[in-house]
C-alpha atoms as a PDB file:
ATOM      1  CA  MET A   1       0.000   0.000   0.000  1.00  0.00           C
ATOM      2  CA  ALA A   2       1.263   3.452  -0.836  1.00  0.00           C
ATOM      3  CA  SER A   3       1.605   6.133   1.781  1.00  0.00           C
ATOM      4  CA  MET A   4       2.431   9.812   1.510  1.00  0.00           C
ATOM      5  CA  THR A   5       4.601  11.405   4.160  1.00  0.00           C
ATOM      6  CA  GLY A   6       5.785  14.953   4.800  1.00  0.00           C
ATOM      7  CA  SER A   7       5.452  17.970   2.582  1.00  0.00           C
ATOM      8  CA  ARG A   8       7.399  16.392  -0.283  1.00  0.00           C
ATOM      9  CA  ARG A   9       4.531  13.961  -0.874  1.00  0.00           C
ATOM     10  CA  THR A  10       6.834  11.026  -1.469  1.00  0.00           C
ATOM     11  CA  VAL A  11       5.119   7.742  -2.202  1.00  0.00           C
ATOM     12  CA  GLU A  12       6.496   4.580  -0.675  1.00  0.00           C
ATOM     13  CA  PHE A  13       5.459   0.996  -1.201  1.00  0.00           C
ATOM     14  CA  ARG A  14       5.945  -1.149   1.902  1.00  0.00           C
ATOM     15  CA  CYS A  15       6.153  -4.946   1.882  1.00  0.00           C
ATOM     16  CA  LYS A  16       3.552  -6.304   4.292  1.00  0.00           C
ATOM     17  CA  ALA A  17       5.609  -9.470   4.851  1.00  0.00           C
ATOM     18  CA  CYS A  18       8.934  -7.923   5.919  1.00  0.00           C
ATOM     19  CA  GLY A  19       8.469  -4.142   6.111  1.00  0.00           C
ATOM     20  CA  LYS A  20      10.993  -3.170   3.429  1.00  0.00           C
ATOM     21  CA  VAL A  21      10.110   0.025   1.563  1.00  0.00           C
ATOM     22  CA  PHE A  22      10.373   0.525  -2.199  1.00  0.00           C
ATOM     23  CA  ALA A  23      10.169   3.608  -4.421  1.00  0.00           C
ATOM     24  CA  THR A  24       7.888   2.005  -7.018  1.00  0.00           C
ATOM     25  CA  GLU A  25       5.148  -0.567  -7.030  1.00  0.00           C
ATOM     26  CA  ASP A  26       7.056  -2.533  -9.681  1.00  0.00           C
ATOM     27  CA  MET A  27      10.066  -2.832  -7.362  1.00  0.00           C
ATOM     28  CA  LEU A  28       7.799  -4.024  -4.547  1.00  0.00           C
ATOM     29  CA  GLU A  29       6.169  -6.634  -6.790  1.00  0.00           C
ATOM     30  CA  ALA A  30       9.581  -7.903  -7.956  1.00  0.00           C
ATOM     31  CA  HIS A  31      10.727  -8.116  -4.320  1.00  0.00           C
ATOM     32  CA  LYS A  32       7.634 -10.102  -3.337  1.00  0.00           C
ATOM     33  CA  ARG A  33       8.180 -12.551  -6.219  1.00  0.00           C
ATOM     34  CA  MET A  34      11.849 -13.035  -5.334  1.00  0.00           C
ATOM     35  CA  GLU A  35      11.713 -13.052  -1.542  1.00  0.00           C
ATOM     36  CA  HIS A  36       8.270 -14.232  -0.509  1.00  0.00           C
ATOM     37  CA  SER A  37       7.137 -16.559  -3.285  1.00  0.00           C
ATOM     38  CA  LYS A  38       6.922 -20.252  -2.441  1.00  0.00           C
ATOM     39  CA  GLU A  39       8.297 -21.009  -5.916  1.00  0.00           C
ATOM     40  CA  SER A  40      11.502 -19.044  -5.267  1.00  0.00           C
ATOM     41  CA  HIS A  41      12.813 -21.494  -2.656  1.00  0.00           C
ATOM     42  CA  PRO A  42      13.218 -25.241  -3.266  1.00  0.00           C
ATOM     43  CA  PRO A  43      11.664 -27.600  -0.732  1.00  0.00           C
ATOM     44  CA  ALA A  44      13.869 -28.584   2.209  1.00  0.00           C
ATOM     45  CA  GLY A  45      16.275 -31.355   1.294  1.00  0.00           C
ATOM     46  CA  VAL A  46      16.159 -30.639  -2.448  1.00  0.00           C
ATOM     47  CA  GLY A  47      19.245 -29.372  -4.265  1.00  0.00           C
END
């Protein structure tokens, strides 16, 4: 979710899973795919 803070009206996109903040929604979506997707990590004992 985007939030605006201060007089500069900066928009930040915060990851609900870990709290990291990103400048664009695209960067947040890429982060979620890489870091929080079940497909991004092999099952335990595999590999």
